[in-house]
C-alpha atoms as a PDB file:
ATOM      1  CA  MET A   1     182.518 105.168 148.475  1.00  0.00           C
ATOM      2  CA  ASN A   2     182.573 106.048 152.160  1.00  0.00           C
ATOM      3  CA  GLN A   3     179.572 106.219 154.470  1.00  0.00           C
ATOM      4  CA  ALA A   4     179.228 110.019 154.223  1.00  0.00           C
ATOM      5  CA  GLN A   5     179.142 109.820 150.432  1.00  0.00           C
ATOM      6  CA  MET A   6     176.542 107.037 150.576  1.00  0.00           C
ATOM      7  CA  MET A   7     174.361 109.095 152.925  1.00  0.00           C
ATOM      8  CA  ALA A   8     174.664 112.153 150.661  1.00  0.00           C
ATOM      9  CA  GLN A   9     173.683 110.022 147.663  1.00  0.00           C
ATOM     10  CA  LEU A  10     170.728 108.587 149.586  1.00  0.00           C
ATOM     11  CA  ARG A  11     169.523 112.090 150.569  1.00  0.00           C
ATOM     12  CA  LYS A  12     169.808 113.194 146.946  1.00  0.00           C
ATOM     13  CA  MET A  13     167.786 110.167 145.818  1.00  0.00           C
ATOM     14  CA  GLN A  14     165.155 110.837 148.518  1.00  0.00           C
ATOM     15  CA  ALA A  15     164.819 114.473 147.395  1.00  0.00           C
ATOM     16  CA  ALA A  16     164.430 113.382 143.760  1.00  0.00           C
ATOM     17  CA  MET A  17     161.841 110.784 144.796  1.00  0.00           C
ATOM     18  CA  THR A  18     159.849 113.338 146.802  1.00  0.00           C
ATOM     19  CA  LYS A  19     159.898 115.763 143.872  1.00  0.00           C
ATOM     20  CA  ALA A  20     158.756 113.051 141.440  1.00  0.00           C
ATOM     21  CA  GLN A  21     155.954 111.972 143.799  1.00  0.00           C
ATOM     22  CA  ASP A  22     154.785 115.590 144.112  1.00  0.00           C
ATOM     23  CA  GLU A  23     154.784 115.916 140.321  1.00  0.00           C
ATOM     24  CA  LEU A  24     152.783 112.702 140.040  1.00  0.00           C
ATOM     25  CA  ALA A  25     150.222 113.932 142.575  1.00  0.00           C
ATOM     26  CA  ASN A  26     149.718 117.050 140.450  1.00  0.00           C
ATOM     27  CA  THR A  27     149.442 115.167 137.151  1.00  0.00           C
ATOM     28  CA  VAL A  28     146.015 114.041 135.959  1.00  0.00           C
ATOM     29  CA  VAL A  29     145.373 111.235 133.477  1.00  0.00           C
ATOM     30  CA  THR A  30     142.080 110.325 131.852  1.00  0.00           C
ATOM     31  CA  GLY A  31     140.885 106.751 131.559  1.00  0.00           C
ATOM     32  CA  SER A  32     138.061 106.101 129.157  1.00  0.00           C
ATOM     33  CA  ALA A  33     135.700 103.456 127.878  1.00  0.00           C
ATOM     34  CA  SER A  34     133.652 103.193 124.717  1.00  0.00           C
ATOM     35  CA  GLY A  35     135.502 106.035 123.065  1.00  0.00           C
ATOM     36  CA  GLU A  36     134.994 108.863 125.499  1.00  0.00           C
ATOM     37  CA  LEU A  37     131.495 107.882 126.580  1.00  0.00           C
ATOM     38  CA  VAL A  38     132.730 107.219 130.117  1.00  0.00           C
ATOM     39  CA  GLN A  39     135.787 109.067 131.457  1.00  0.00           C
ATOM     40  CA  VAL A  40     137.624 108.891 134.767  1.00  0.00           C
ATOM     41  CA  GLU A  41     140.160 111.561 135.677  1.00  0.00           C
ATOM     42  CA  MET A  42     142.731 110.317 138.184  1.00  0.00           C
ATOM     43  CA  SER A  43     145.770 111.989 139.675  1.00  0.00           C
ATOM     44  CA  GLY A  44     149.166 110.350 139.629  1.00  0.00           C
ATOM     45  CA  ASP A  45     148.702 109.353 143.262  1.00  0.00           C
ATOM     46  CA  PHE A  46     145.586 107.326 142.346  1.00  0.00           C
ATOM     47  CA  ARG A  47     142.996 109.832 143.566  1.00  0.00           C
ATOM     48  CA  VAL A  48     139.876 110.071 141.419  1.00  0.00           C
ATOM     49  CA  ARG A  49     139.283 113.681 140.415  1.00  0.00           C
ATOM     50  CA  SER A  50     136.122 113.256 138.350  1.00  0.00           C
ATOM     51  CA  VAL A  51     133.873 110.795 136.575  1.00  0.00           C
ATOM     52  CA  LYS A  52     132.003 111.794 133.433  1.00  0.00           C
ATOM     53  CA  VAL A  53     129.255 109.715 131.868  1.00  0.00           C
ATOM     54  CA  GLY A  54     127.706 110.548 128.514  1.00  0.00           C
ATOM     55  CA  LYS A  55     123.923 110.519 128.333  1.00  0.00           C
ATOM     56  CA  GLU A  56     124.047 107.703 125.789  1.00  0.00           C
ATOM     57  CA  ALA A  57     125.560 105.414 128.443  1.00  0.00           C
ATOM     58  CA  VAL A  58     122.627 105.870 130.817  1.00  0.00           C
ATOM     59  CA  ASP A  59     119.895 103.318 130.198  1.00  0.00           C
ATOM     60  CA  PRO A  60     117.742 102.516 133.244  1.00  0.00           C
ATOM     61  CA  ASP A  61     116.965  99.116 131.693  1.00  0.00           C
ATOM     62  CA  ASP A  62     120.661  98.262 131.242  1.00  0.00           C
ATOM     63  CA  VAL A  63     122.594  99.381 134.316  1.00  0.00           C
ATOM     64  CA  GLU A  64     125.075  96.510 133.897  1.00  0.00           C
ATOM     65  CA  THR A  65     126.564  98.025 130.732  1.00  0.00           C
ATOM     66  CA  LEU A  66     127.202 101.326 132.493  1.00  0.00           C
ATOM     67  CA  GLU A  67     128.798  99.464 135.397  1.00  0.00           C
ATOM     68  CA  ASP A  68     131.058  97.594 132.954  1.00  0.00           C
ATOM     69  CA  LEU A  69     132.041 100.857 131.226  1.00  0.00           C
ATOM     70  CA  LEU A  70     132.941 102.404 134.591  1.00  0.00           C
ATOM     71  CA  VAL A  71     135.149  99.433 135.454  1.00  0.00           C
ATOM     72  CA  VAL A  72     136.927  99.698 132.097  1.00  0.00           C
ATOM     73  CA  ALA A  73     137.453 103.465 132.488  1.00  0.00           C
ATOM     74  CA  PHE A  74     138.789 103.117 136.048  1.00  0.00           C
ATOM     75  CA  ASN A  75     141.154 100.310 135.036  1.00  0.00           C
ATOM     76  CA  ASP A  76     142.343 102.369 132.061  1.00  0.00           C
ATOM     77  CA  ALA A  77     143.097 105.310 134.367  1.00  0.00           C
ATOM     78  CA  VAL A  78     144.958 103.068 136.831  1.00  0.00           C
ATOM     79  CA  ALA A  79     147.058 101.572 134.025  1.00  0.00           C
ATOM     80  CA  LYS A  80     147.959 105.068 132.798  1.00  0.00           C
ATOM     81  CA  VAL A  81     148.975 106.181 136.291  1.00  0.00           C
ATOM     82  CA  GLN A  82     151.094 103.045 136.740  1.00  0.00           C
ATOM     83  CA  GLU A  83     152.873 103.680 133.438  1.00  0.00           C
ATOM     84  CA  LEU A  84     153.416 107.355 134.298  1.00  0.00           C
ATOM     85  CA  SER A  85     154.719 106.420 137.740  1.00  0.00           C
ATOM     86  CA  SER A  86     157.049 103.812 136.289  1.00  0.00           C
ATOM     87  CA  ARG A  87     158.507 106.355 133.854  1.00  0.00           C
ATOM     88  CA  LYS A  88     158.958 109.091 136.477  1.00  0.00           C
ATOM     89  CA  LEU A  89     160.243 106.949 139.316  1.00  0.00           C
ATOM     90  CA  GLY A  90     162.120 104.344 137.271  1.00  0.00           C
ATOM     91  CA  GLY A  91     164.932 106.738 136.474  1.00  0.00           C
ATOM     92  CA  ILE A  92     165.402 107.549 140.136  1.00  0.00           C
ATOM     93  CA  THR A  93     165.283 104.004 141.480  1.00  0.00           C
ATOM     94  CA  GLY A  94     167.294 102.555 138.615  1.00  0.00           C
ATOM     95  CA  GLY A  95     164.599  99.976 137.977  1.00  0.00           C
ATOM     96  CA  LEU A  96     164.578  98.689 141.556  1.00  0.00           C
ATOM     97  CA  LYS A  97     161.200  97.457 142.729  1.00  0.00           C
ATOM     98  CA  ILE A  98     160.585  99.447 145.907  1.00  0.00           C
ATOM     99  CA  PRO A  99     157.442  98.387 147.788  1.00  0.00           C
ATOM    100  CA  GLY A 100     154.737 101.056 147.871  1.00  0.00           C
ATOM    101  CA  LEU A 101     156.114 103.006 144.893  1.00  0.00           C
END
């Protein structure tokens, strides 16, 4: 493979990566805790879109439980985005671990 072919292949890979990243940014996953009592919607680029808390989760005398449920829901959303990202970008990078992706 000559240098021109390598550069063409690199540009093709960059275009595919940009397209996949755009698709991820427009994809929304939902993390949840305690069934669907607490939900966090997060885009594929890790931006929180919304947080929903069921009335049953709000107890002024037990704020710690609500805080714990929020942590679980956020972590669930992050894990789902990471899995989605790995599936979408893994095919492009061939399994290479590229920092920041």
